[in-house]
């Protein structure tokens, strides 16, 4: 039987802490999946980062994500997409 309340690993606690620190350093009042993803990509020992490294340099992903999170539109009513286009409000 699986535990209905699985425990977070120390590595996950570290990632969540790093995500919170990243959000604060960017001046954001929330911690979202984008901050968690950035924290994972910046952890060279994380399995997702190692897999990603087979496809693209994690540093490029980290840099692109940070640029996106620093964009003035990021905290606006509609968040920009990766290509800079605004999503359809409909």
PDB file of N, CA and C in Angstrom:
ATOM      1  N   UNK A   1       0.849  -1.177   0.000  1.00  0.00           N
ATOM      2  CA  UNK A   1       0.000   0.000   0.000  1.00  0.00           C
ATOM      3  C   UNK A   1       0.898   1.245   0.000  1.00  0.00           C
ATOM      4  N   UNK A   2       0.547   2.202  -0.820  1.00  0.00           N
ATOM      5  CA  UNK A   2       1.343   3.424  -0.879  1.00  0.00           C
ATOM      6  C   UNK A   2       0.906   4.401   0.201  1.00  0.00           C
ATOM      7  N   UNK A   3       1.875   5.165   0.660  1.00  0.00           N
ATOM      8  CA  UNK A   3       1.620   6.158   1.706  1.00  0.00           C
ATOM      9  C   UNK A   3       0.773   7.288   1.124  1.00  0.00           C
ATOM     10  N   UNK A   4      -0.385   7.610   1.708  1.00  0.00           N
ATOM     11  CA  UNK A   4      -1.227   8.689   1.175  1.00  0.00           C
ATOM     12  C   UNK A   4      -0.598  10.070   1.395  1.00  0.00           C
ATOM     13  N   UNK A   5       0.420  10.154   2.240  1.00  0.00           N
ATOM     14  CA  UNK A   5       1.108  11.413   2.511  1.00  0.00           C
ATOM     15  C   UNK A   5       2.612  11.242   2.324  1.00  0.00           C
ATOM     16  N   UNK A   6       3.058  11.160   1.067  1.00  0.00           N
ATOM     17  CA  UNK A   6       4.489  10.956   0.854  1.00  0.00           C
ATOM     18  C   UNK A   6       5.307  12.124   1.421  1.00  0.00           C
ATOM     19  N   UNK A   7       6.505  11.805   1.872  1.00  0.00           N
ATOM     20  CA  UNK A   7       7.395  12.801   2.458  1.00  0.00           C
ATOM     21  C   UNK A   7       8.249  13.460   1.370  1.00  0.00           C
ATOM     22  N   UNK A   8       8.512  14.737   1.525  1.00  0.00           N
ATOM     23  CA  UNK A   8       9.410  15.429   0.608  1.00  0.00           C
ATOM     24  C   UNK A   8      10.841  15.066   0.963  1.00  0.00           C
ATOM     25  N   UNK A   9      11.653  14.874  -0.059  1.00  0.00           N
ATOM     26  CA  UNK A   9      13.060  14.572   0.164  1.00  0.00           C
ATOM     27  C   UNK A   9      13.805  15.858   0.528  1.00  0.00           C
ATOM     28  N   UNK A  10      14.984  15.719   1.133  1.00  0.00           N
ATOM     29  CA  UNK A  10      15.795  16.908   1.414  1.00  0.00           C
ATOM     30  C   UNK A  10      16.114  17.709   0.145  1.00  0.00           C
ATOM     31  N   UNK A  11      16.322  17.005  -0.978  1.00  0.00           N
ATOM     32  CA  UNK A  11      16.622  17.697  -2.237  1.00  0.00           C
ATOM     33  C   UNK A  11      15.433  18.558  -2.662  1.00  0.00           C
ATOM     34  N   UNK A  12      14.214  18.050  -2.502  1.00  0.00           N
ATOM     35  CA  UNK A  12      13.028  18.826  -2.874  1.00  0.00           C
ATOM     36  C   UNK A  12      12.875  20.048  -1.976  1.00  0.00           C
ATOM     37  N   UNK A  13      13.126  19.880  -0.685  1.00  0.00           N
ATOM     38  CA  UNK A  13      13.095  21.030   0.223  1.00  0.00           C
ATOM     39  C   UNK A  13      14.117  22.082  -0.219  1.00  0.00           C
ATOM     40  N   UNK A  14      15.289  21.618  -0.640  1.00  0.00           N
ATOM     41  CA  UNK A  14      16.336  22.535  -1.122  1.00  0.00           C
ATOM     42  C   UNK A  14      15.868  23.280  -2.375  1.00  0.00           C
ATOM     43  N   UNK A  15      15.234  22.558  -3.297  1.00  0.00           N
ATOM     44  CA  UNK A  15      14.732  23.175  -4.537  1.00  0.00           C
ATOM     45  C   UNK A  15      13.663  24.212  -4.215  1.00  0.00           C
ATOM     46  N   UNK A  16      12.732  23.871  -3.312  1.00  0.00           N
ATOM     47  CA  UNK A  16      11.688  24.829  -2.936  1.00  0.00           C
ATOM     48  C   UNK A  16      12.290  26.071  -2.283  1.00  0.00           C
ATOM     49  N   UNK A  17      13.293  25.886  -1.446  1.00  0.00           N
ATOM     50  CA  UNK A  17      13.968  27.026  -0.820  1.00  0.00           C
ATOM     51  C   UNK A  17      14.663  27.892  -1.855  1.00  0.00           C
ATOM     52  N   UNK A  18      15.319  27.241  -2.818  1.00  0.00           N
ATOM     53  CA  UNK A  18      16.001  27.982  -3.889  1.00  0.00           C
ATOM     54  C   UNK A  18      14.985  28.716  -4.761  1.00  0.00           C
ATOM     55  N   UNK A  19      13.844  28.084  -5.026  1.00  0.00           N
ATOM     56  CA  UNK A  19      12.791  28.723  -5.826  1.00  0.00           C
ATOM     57  C   UNK A  19      12.267  29.964  -5.122  1.00  0.00           C
ATOM     58  N   UNK A  20      12.073  29.868  -3.815  1.00  0.00           N
ATOM     59  CA  UNK A  20      11.618  31.027  -3.055  1.00  0.00           C
ATOM     60  C   UNK A  20      12.658  32.144  -3.090  1.00  0.00           C
ATOM     61  N   UNK A  21      13.917  31.794  -2.927  1.00  0.00           N
ATOM     62  CA  UNK A  21      14.988  32.801  -2.972  1.00  0.00           C
ATOM     63  C   UNK A  21      15.070  33.447  -4.350  1.00  0.00           C
ATOM     64  N   UNK A  22      14.904  32.658  -5.401  1.00  0.00           N
ATOM     65  CA  UNK A  22      14.923  33.205  -6.760  1.00  0.00           C
ATOM     66  C   UNK A  22      13.762  34.173  -6.967  1.00  0.00           C
ATOM     67  N   UNK A  23      12.574  33.778  -6.515  1.00  0.00           N
ATOM     68  CA  UNK A  23      11.406  34.652  -6.665  1.00  0.00           C
ATOM     69  C   UNK A  23      11.647  35.977  -5.950  1.00  0.00           C
ATOM     70  N   UNK A  24      12.156  35.912  -4.736  1.00  0.00           N
ATOM     71  CA  UNK A  24      12.439  37.147  -3.989  1.00  0.00           C
ATOM     72  C   UNK A  24      13.493  37.994  -4.686  1.00  0.00           C
ATOM     73  N   UNK A  25      14.540  37.347  -5.194  1.00  0.00           N
ATOM     74  CA  UNK A  25      15.614  38.104  -5.851  1.00  0.00           C
ATOM     75  C   UNK A  25      15.118  38.797  -7.119  1.00  0.00           C
ATOM     76  N   UNK A  26      14.061  38.239  -7.713  1.00  0.00           N
ATOM     77  CA  UNK A  26      13.472  38.839  -8.915  1.00  0.00           C
ATOM     78  C   UNK A  26      12.382  39.848  -8.570  1.00  0.00           C
ATOM     79  N   UNK A  27      12.107  40.010  -7.274  1.00  0.00           N
ATOM     80  CA  UNK A  27      11.097  40.967  -6.844  1.00  0.00           C
ATOM     81  C   UNK A  27       9.676  40.460  -6.984  1.00  0.00           C
ATOM     82  N   UNK A  28       9.497  39.144  -7.052  1.00  0.00           N
ATOM     83  CA  UNK A  28       8.164  38.576  -7.212  1.00  0.00           C
ATOM     84  C   UNK A  28       7.564  38.268  -5.849  1.00  0.00           C
ATOM     85  N   UNK A  29       6.264  38.440  -5.744  1.00  0.00           N
ATOM     86  CA  UNK A  29       5.561  38.205  -4.488  1.00  0.00           C
ATOM     87  C   UNK A  29       4.974  36.804  -4.418  1.00  0.00           C
ATOM     88  N   UNK A  30       5.240  35.998  -5.405  1.00  0.00           N
ATOM     89  CA  UNK A  30       4.730  34.626  -5.435  1.00  0.00           C
ATOM     90  C   UNK A  30       5.859  33.690  -5.860  1.00  0.00           C
ATOM     91  N   UNK A  31       5.697  32.414  -5.582  1.00  0.00           N
ATOM     92  CA  UNK A  31       6.605  31.384  -6.067  1.00  0.00           C
ATOM     93  C   UNK A  31       5.777  30.470  -6.952  1.00  0.00           C
ATOM     94  N   UNK A  32       6.126  30.438  -8.220  1.00  0.00           N
ATOM     95  CA  UNK A  32       5.374  29.623  -9.168  1.00  0.00           C
ATOM     96  C   UNK A  32       6.215  28.505  -9.746  1.00  0.00           C
ATOM     97  N   UNK A  33       5.596  27.737 -10.605  1.00  0.00           N
ATOM     98  CA  UNK A  33       6.302  26.621 -11.230  1.00  0.00           C
ATOM     99  C   UNK A  33       7.520  27.102 -12.002  1.00  0.00           C
ATOM    100  N   UNK A  34       7.451  28.322 -12.520  1.00  0.00           N
ATOM    101  CA  UNK A  34       8.589  28.864 -13.261  1.00  0.00           C
ATOM    102  C   UNK A  34       9.804  29.038 -12.351  1.00  0.00           C
ATOM    103  N   UNK A  35       9.564  29.419 -11.106  1.00  0.00           N
ATOM    104  CA  UNK A  35      10.667  29.576 -10.153  1.00  0.00           C
ATOM    105  C   UNK A  35      11.227  28.209  -9.742  1.00  0.00           C
ATOM    106  N   UNK A  36      10.321  27.234  -9.572  1.00  0.00           N
ATOM    107  CA  UNK A  36      10.759  25.876  -9.239  1.00  0.00           C
ATOM    108  C   UNK A  36      11.582  25.308 -10.402  1.00  0.00           C
ATOM    109  N   UNK A  37      11.095  25.509 -11.626  1.00  0.00           N
ATOM    110  CA  UNK A  37      11.829  25.023 -12.806  1.00  0.00           C
ATOM    111  C   UNK A  37      13.212  25.657 -12.879  1.00  0.00           C
ATOM    112  N   UNK A  38      13.289  26.957 -12.653  1.00  0.00           N
ATOM    113  CA  UNK A  38      14.577  27.646 -12.678  1.00  0.00           C
ATOM    114  C   UNK A  38      15.506  27.088 -11.603  1.00  0.00           C
ATOM    115  N   UNK A  39      14.982  26.842 -10.421  1.00  0.00           N
ATOM    116  CA  UNK A  39      15.794  26.272  -9.340  1.00  0.00           C
ATOM    117  C   UNK A  39      16.306  24.885  -9.719  1.00  0.00           C
ATOM    118  N   UNK A  40      15.475  24.088 -10.366  1.00  0.00           N
ATOM    119  CA  UNK A  40      15.900  22.750 -10.791  1.00  0.00           C
ATOM    120  C   UNK A  40      16.994  22.859 -11.844  1.00  0.00           C
ATOM    121  N   UNK A  41      16.785  23.714 -12.836  1.00  0.00           N
ATOM    122  CA  UNK A  41      17.763  23.864 -13.924  1.00  0.00           C
ATOM    123  C   UNK A  41      19.110  24.356 -13.397  1.00  0.00           C
ATOM    124  N   UNK A  42      19.079  25.126 -12.335  1.00  0.00           N
ATOM    125  CA  UNK A  42      20.324  25.645 -11.778  1.00  0.00           C
ATOM    126  C   UNK A  42      21.010  24.642 -10.847  1.00  0.00           C
ATOM    127  N   UNK A  43      20.385  23.492 -10.603  1.00  0.00           N
ATOM    128  CA  UNK A  43      20.975  22.439  -9.774  1.00  0.00           C
ATOM    129  C   UNK A  43      21.572  21.383 -10.698  1.00  0.00           C
ATOM    130  N   UNK A  44      22.887  21.425 -10.873  1.00  0.00           N
ATOM    131  CA  UNK A  44      23.566  20.523 -11.807  1.00  0.00           C
ATOM    132  C   UNK A  44      23.400  19.055 -11.436  1.00  0.00           C
ATOM    133  N   UNK A  45      23.125  18.759 -10.174  1.00  0.00           N
ATOM    134  CA  UNK A  45      22.976  17.372  -9.733  1.00  0.00           C
ATOM    135  C   UNK A  45      21.558  16.841  -9.885  1.00  0.00           C
ATOM    136  N   UNK A  46      20.613  17.699 -10.224  1.00  0.00           N
ATOM    137  CA  UNK A  46      19.219  17.268 -10.371  1.00  0.00           C
ATOM    138  C   UNK A  46      19.069  16.413 -11.630  1.00  0.00           C
ATOM    139  N   UNK A  47      18.327  15.332 -11.517  1.00  0.00           N
ATOM    140  CA  UNK A  47      18.127  14.434 -12.658  1.00  0.00           C
ATOM    141  C   UNK A  47      17.519  15.170 -13.851  1.00  0.00           C
ATOM    142  N   UNK A  48      16.479  16.023 -13.664  1.00  0.00           N
ATOM    143  CA  UNK A  48      15.939  16.731 -14.833  1.00  0.00           C
ATOM    144  C   UNK A  48      16.997  17.592 -15.544  1.00  0.00           C
ATOM    145  N   UNK A  49      17.888  18.178 -14.784  1.00  0.00           N
ATOM    146  CA  UNK A  49      18.942  18.996 -15.390  1.00  0.00           C
ATOM    147  C   UNK A  49      19.898  18.127 -16.185  1.00  0.00           C
ATOM    148  N   UNK A  50      20.209  16.963 -15.671  1.00  0.00           N
ATOM    149  CA  UNK A  50      21.099  16.050 -16.381  1.00  0.00           C
ATOM    150  C   UNK A  50      20.464  15.559 -17.678  1.00  0.00           C
ATOM    151  N   UNK A  51      19.169  15.283 -17.652  1.00  0.00           N
ATOM    152  CA  UNK A  51      18.461  14.867 -18.865  1.00  0.00           C
ATOM    153  C   UNK A  51      18.416  16.030 -19.855  1.00  0.00           C
ATOM    154  N   UNK A  52      18.096  17.205 -19.362  1.00  0.00           N
ATOM    155  CA  UNK A  52      18.033  18.394 -20.210  1.00  0.00           C
ATOM    156  C   UNK A  52      19.370  18.654 -20.894  1.00  0.00           C
ATOM    157  N   UNK A  53      20.441  18.399 -20.163  1.00  0.00           N
ATOM    158  CA  UNK A  53      21.787  18.643 -20.681  1.00  0.00           C
ATOM    159  C   UNK A  53      22.073  17.831 -21.945  1.00  0.00           C
ATOM    160  N   UNK A  54      21.381  16.718 -22.114  1.00  0.00           N
ATOM    161  CA  UNK A  54      21.552  15.911 -23.321  1.00  0.00           C
ATOM    162  C   UNK A  54      20.937  16.588 -24.540  1.00  0.00           C
ATOM    163  N   UNK A  55      20.043  17.544 -24.317  1.00  0.00           N
ATOM    164  CA  UNK A  55      19.342  18.216 -25.406  1.00  0.00           C
ATOM    165  C   UNK A  55      19.829  19.637 -25.652  1.00  0.00           C
ATOM    166  N   UNK A  56      20.127  20.355 -24.561  1.00  0.00           N
ATOM    167  CA  UNK A  56      20.505  21.765 -24.658  1.00  0.00           C
ATOM    168  C   UNK A  56      21.298  22.125 -23.406  1.00  0.00           C
ATOM    169  N   UNK A  57      22.102  23.165 -23.489  1.00  0.00           N
ATOM    170  CA  UNK A  57      22.862  23.609 -22.325  1.00  0.00           C
ATOM    171  C   UNK A  57      21.903  24.181 -21.277  1.00  0.00           C
ATOM    172  N   UNK A  58      21.860  23.601 -20.078  1.00  0.00           N
ATOM    173  CA  UNK A  58      20.970  24.116 -19.035  1.00  0.00           C
ATOM    174  C   UNK A  58      21.186  25.601 -18.747  1.00  0.00           C
ATOM    175  N   UNK A  59      22.403  26.088 -18.931  1.00  0.00           N
ATOM    176  CA  UNK A  59      22.677  27.504 -18.709  1.00  0.00           C
ATOM    177  C   UNK A  59      21.876  28.373 -19.682  1.00  0.00           C
ATOM    178  N   UNK A  60      21.693  27.898 -20.910  1.00  0.00           N
ATOM    179  CA  UNK A  60      20.896  28.653 -21.887  1.00  0.00           C
ATOM    180  C   UNK A  60      19.440  28.702 -21.460  1.00  0.00           C
ATOM    181  N   UNK A  61      18.938  27.589 -20.957  1.00  0.00           N
ATOM    182  CA  UNK A  61      17.553  27.531 -20.483  1.00  0.00           C
ATOM    183  C   UNK A  61      17.387  28.466 -19.287  1.00  0.00           C
ATOM    184  N   UNK A  62      18.335  28.404 -18.367  1.00  0.00           N
ATOM    185  CA  UNK A  62      18.291  29.254 -17.174  1.00  0.00           C
ATOM    186  C   UNK A  62      18.311  30.726 -17.556  1.00  0.00           C
ATOM    187  N   UNK A  63      19.193  31.087 -18.462  1.00  0.00           N
ATOM    188  CA  UNK A  63      19.303  32.487 -18.890  1.00  0.00           C
ATOM    189  C   UNK A  63      18.014  32.953 -19.569  1.00  0.00           C
ATOM    190  N   UNK A  64      17.467  32.148 -20.452  1.00  0.00           N
ATOM    191  CA  UNK A  64      16.231  32.519 -21.152  1.00  0.00           C
ATOM    192  C   UNK A  64      15.072  32.658 -20.167  1.00  0.00           C
ATOM    193  N   UNK A  65      14.999  31.752 -19.213  1.00  0.00           N
ATOM    194  CA  UNK A  65      13.921  31.808 -18.227  1.00  0.00           C
ATOM    195  C   UNK A  65      14.053  33.044 -17.342  1.00  0.00           C
ATOM    196  N   UNK A  66      15.278  33.351 -16.915  1.00  0.00           N
ATOM    197  CA  UNK A  66      15.485  34.556 -16.094  1.00  0.00           C
ATOM    198  C   UNK A  66      15.110  35.811 -16.866  1.00  0.00           C
ATOM    199  N   UNK A  67      15.474  35.879 -18.147  1.00  0.00           N
ATOM    200  CA  UNK A  67      15.103  37.035 -18.969  1.00  0.00           C
ATOM    201  C   UNK A  67      13.588  37.167 -19.036  1.00  0.00           C
ATOM    202  N   UNK A  68      12.916  36.055 -19.203  1.00  0.00           N
ATOM    203  CA  UNK A  68      11.457  36.057 -19.267  1.00  0.00           C
ATOM    204  C   UNK A  68      10.858  36.549 -17.941  1.00  0.00           C
ATOM    205  N   UNK A  69      11.429  36.090 -16.829  1.00  0.00           N
ATOM    206  CA  UNK A  69      10.913  36.473 -15.519  1.00  0.00           C
ATOM    207  C   UNK A  69      11.214  37.926 -15.170  1.00  0.00           C
ATOM    208  N   UNK A  70      12.192  38.516 -15.838  1.00  0.00           N
ATOM    209  CA  UNK A  70      12.534  39.923 -15.596  1.00  0.00           C
ATOM    210  C   UNK A  70      11.783  40.875 -16.529  1.00  0.00           C
ATOM    211  N   UNK A  71      11.085  40.332 -17.516  1.00  0.00           N
ATOM    212  CA  UNK A  71      10.366  41.165 -18.490  1.00  0.00           C
ATOM    213  C   UNK A  71       9.287  41.971 -17.781  1.00  0.00           C
ATOM    214  N   UNK A  72       9.122  43.256 -18.171  1.00  0.00           N
ATOM    215  CA  UNK A  72       8.118  44.092 -17.521  1.00  0.00           C
ATOM    216  C   UNK A  72       6.709  43.511 -17.627  1.00  0.00           C
ATOM    217  N   UNK A  73       6.436  42.795 -18.695  1.00  0.00           N
ATOM    218  CA  UNK A  73       5.105  42.228 -18.900  1.00  0.00           C
ATOM    219  C   UNK A  73       4.833  41.049 -17.985  1.00  0.00           C
ATOM    220  N   UNK A  74       5.878  40.467 -17.386  1.00  0.00           N
ATOM    221  CA  UNK A  74       5.713  39.238 -16.610  1.00  0.00           C
ATOM    222  C   UNK A  74       4.664  39.370 -15.508  1.00  0.00           C
ATOM    223  N   UNK A  75       4.675  40.467 -14.788  1.00  0.00           N
ATOM    224  CA  UNK A  75       3.743  40.634 -13.681  1.00  0.00           C
ATOM    225  C   UNK A  75       2.475  41.384 -14.072  1.00  0.00           C
ATOM    226  N   UNK A  76       2.305  41.613 -15.374  1.00  0.00           N
ATOM    227  CA  UNK A  76       1.109  42.310 -15.840  1.00  0.00           C
ATOM    228  C   UNK A  76      -0.115  41.411 -15.808  1.00  0.00           C
ATOM    229  N   UNK A  77      -1.220  41.908 -16.360  1.00  0.00           N
ATOM    230  CA  UNK A  77      -2.468  41.151 -16.380  1.00  0.00           C
ATOM    231  C   UNK A  77      -2.337  39.848 -17.168  1.00  0.00           C
ATOM    232  N   UNK A  78      -1.580  39.897 -18.254  1.00  0.00           N
ATOM    233  CA  UNK A  78      -1.343  38.684 -19.035  1.00  0.00           C
ATOM    234  C   UNK A  78       0.158  38.485 -19.127  1.00  0.00           C
ATOM    235  N   UNK A  79       0.603  37.312 -18.819  1.00  0.00           N
ATOM    236  CA  UNK A  79       2.030  37.033 -18.861  1.00  0.00           C
ATOM    237  C   UNK A  79       2.452  36.731 -20.288  1.00  0.00           C
ATOM    238  N   UNK A  80       3.633  37.200 -20.697  1.00  0.00           N
ATOM    239  CA  UNK A  80       4.085  36.964 -22.067  1.00  0.00           C
ATOM    240  C   UNK A  80       4.419  35.488 -22.278  1.00  0.00           C
ATOM    241  N   UNK A  81       4.285  35.048 -23.508  1.00  0.00           N
ATOM    242  CA  UNK A  81       4.702  33.696 -23.842  1.00  0.00           C
ATOM    243  C   UNK A  81       6.192  33.726 -24.127  1.00  0.00           C
ATOM    244  N   UNK A  82       6.782  32.580 -24.334  1.00  0.00           N
ATOM    245  CA  UNK A  82       8.216  32.498 -24.570  1.00  0.00           C
ATOM    246  C   UNK A  82       8.628  33.285 -25.808  1.00  0.00           C
ATOM    247  N   UNK A  83       7.791  33.294 -26.846  1.00  0.00           N
ATOM    248  CA  UNK A  83       8.155  34.005 -28.068  1.00  0.00           C
ATOM    249  C   UNK A  83       7.819  35.499 -28.014  1.00  0.00           C
ATOM    250  N   UNK A  84       7.348  35.975 -26.847  1.00  0.00           N
ATOM    251  CA  UNK A  84       7.079  37.391 -26.685  1.00  0.00           C
ATOM    252  C   UNK A  84       5.659  37.809 -27.019  1.00  0.00           C
ATOM    253  N   UNK A  85       4.895  36.905 -27.627  1.00  0.00           N
ATOM    254  CA  UNK A  85       3.507  37.199 -27.967  1.00  0.00           C
ATOM    255  C   UNK A  85       2.645  37.143 -26.723  1.00  0.00           C
ATOM    256  N   UNK A  86       1.623  37.967 -26.665  1.00  0.00           N
ATOM    257  CA  UNK A  86       0.673  37.922 -25.563  1.00  0.00           C
ATOM    258  C   UNK A  86      -0.355  36.828 -25.844  1.00  0.00           C
ATOM    259  N   UNK A  87      -0.695  36.009 -24.831  1.00  0.00           N
ATOM    260  CA  UNK A  87      -1.720  34.985 -25.063  1.00  0.00           C
ATOM    261  C   UNK A  87      -3.086  35.607 -25.314  1.00  0.00           C
ATOM    262  N   UNK A  88      -3.925  34.880 -26.044  1.00  0.00           N
ATOM    263  CA  UNK A  88      -5.292  35.330 -26.307  1.00  0.00           C
ATOM    264  C   UNK A  88      -6.071  35.383 -25.006  1.00  0.00           C
ATOM    265  N   UNK A  89      -6.727  36.514 -24.680  1.00  0.00           N
ATOM    266  CA  UNK A  89      -7.490  36.600 -23.427  1.00  0.00           C
ATOM    267  C   UNK A  89      -8.761  35.755 -23.458  1.00  0.00           C
ATOM    268  N   UNK A  90      -9.204  35.314 -24.639  1.00  0.00           N
ATOM    269  CA  UNK A  90     -10.442  34.531 -24.765  1.00  0.00           C
ATOM    270  C   UNK A  90     -10.316  33.134 -24.333  1.00  0.00           C
TER     271      UNK A  90
END
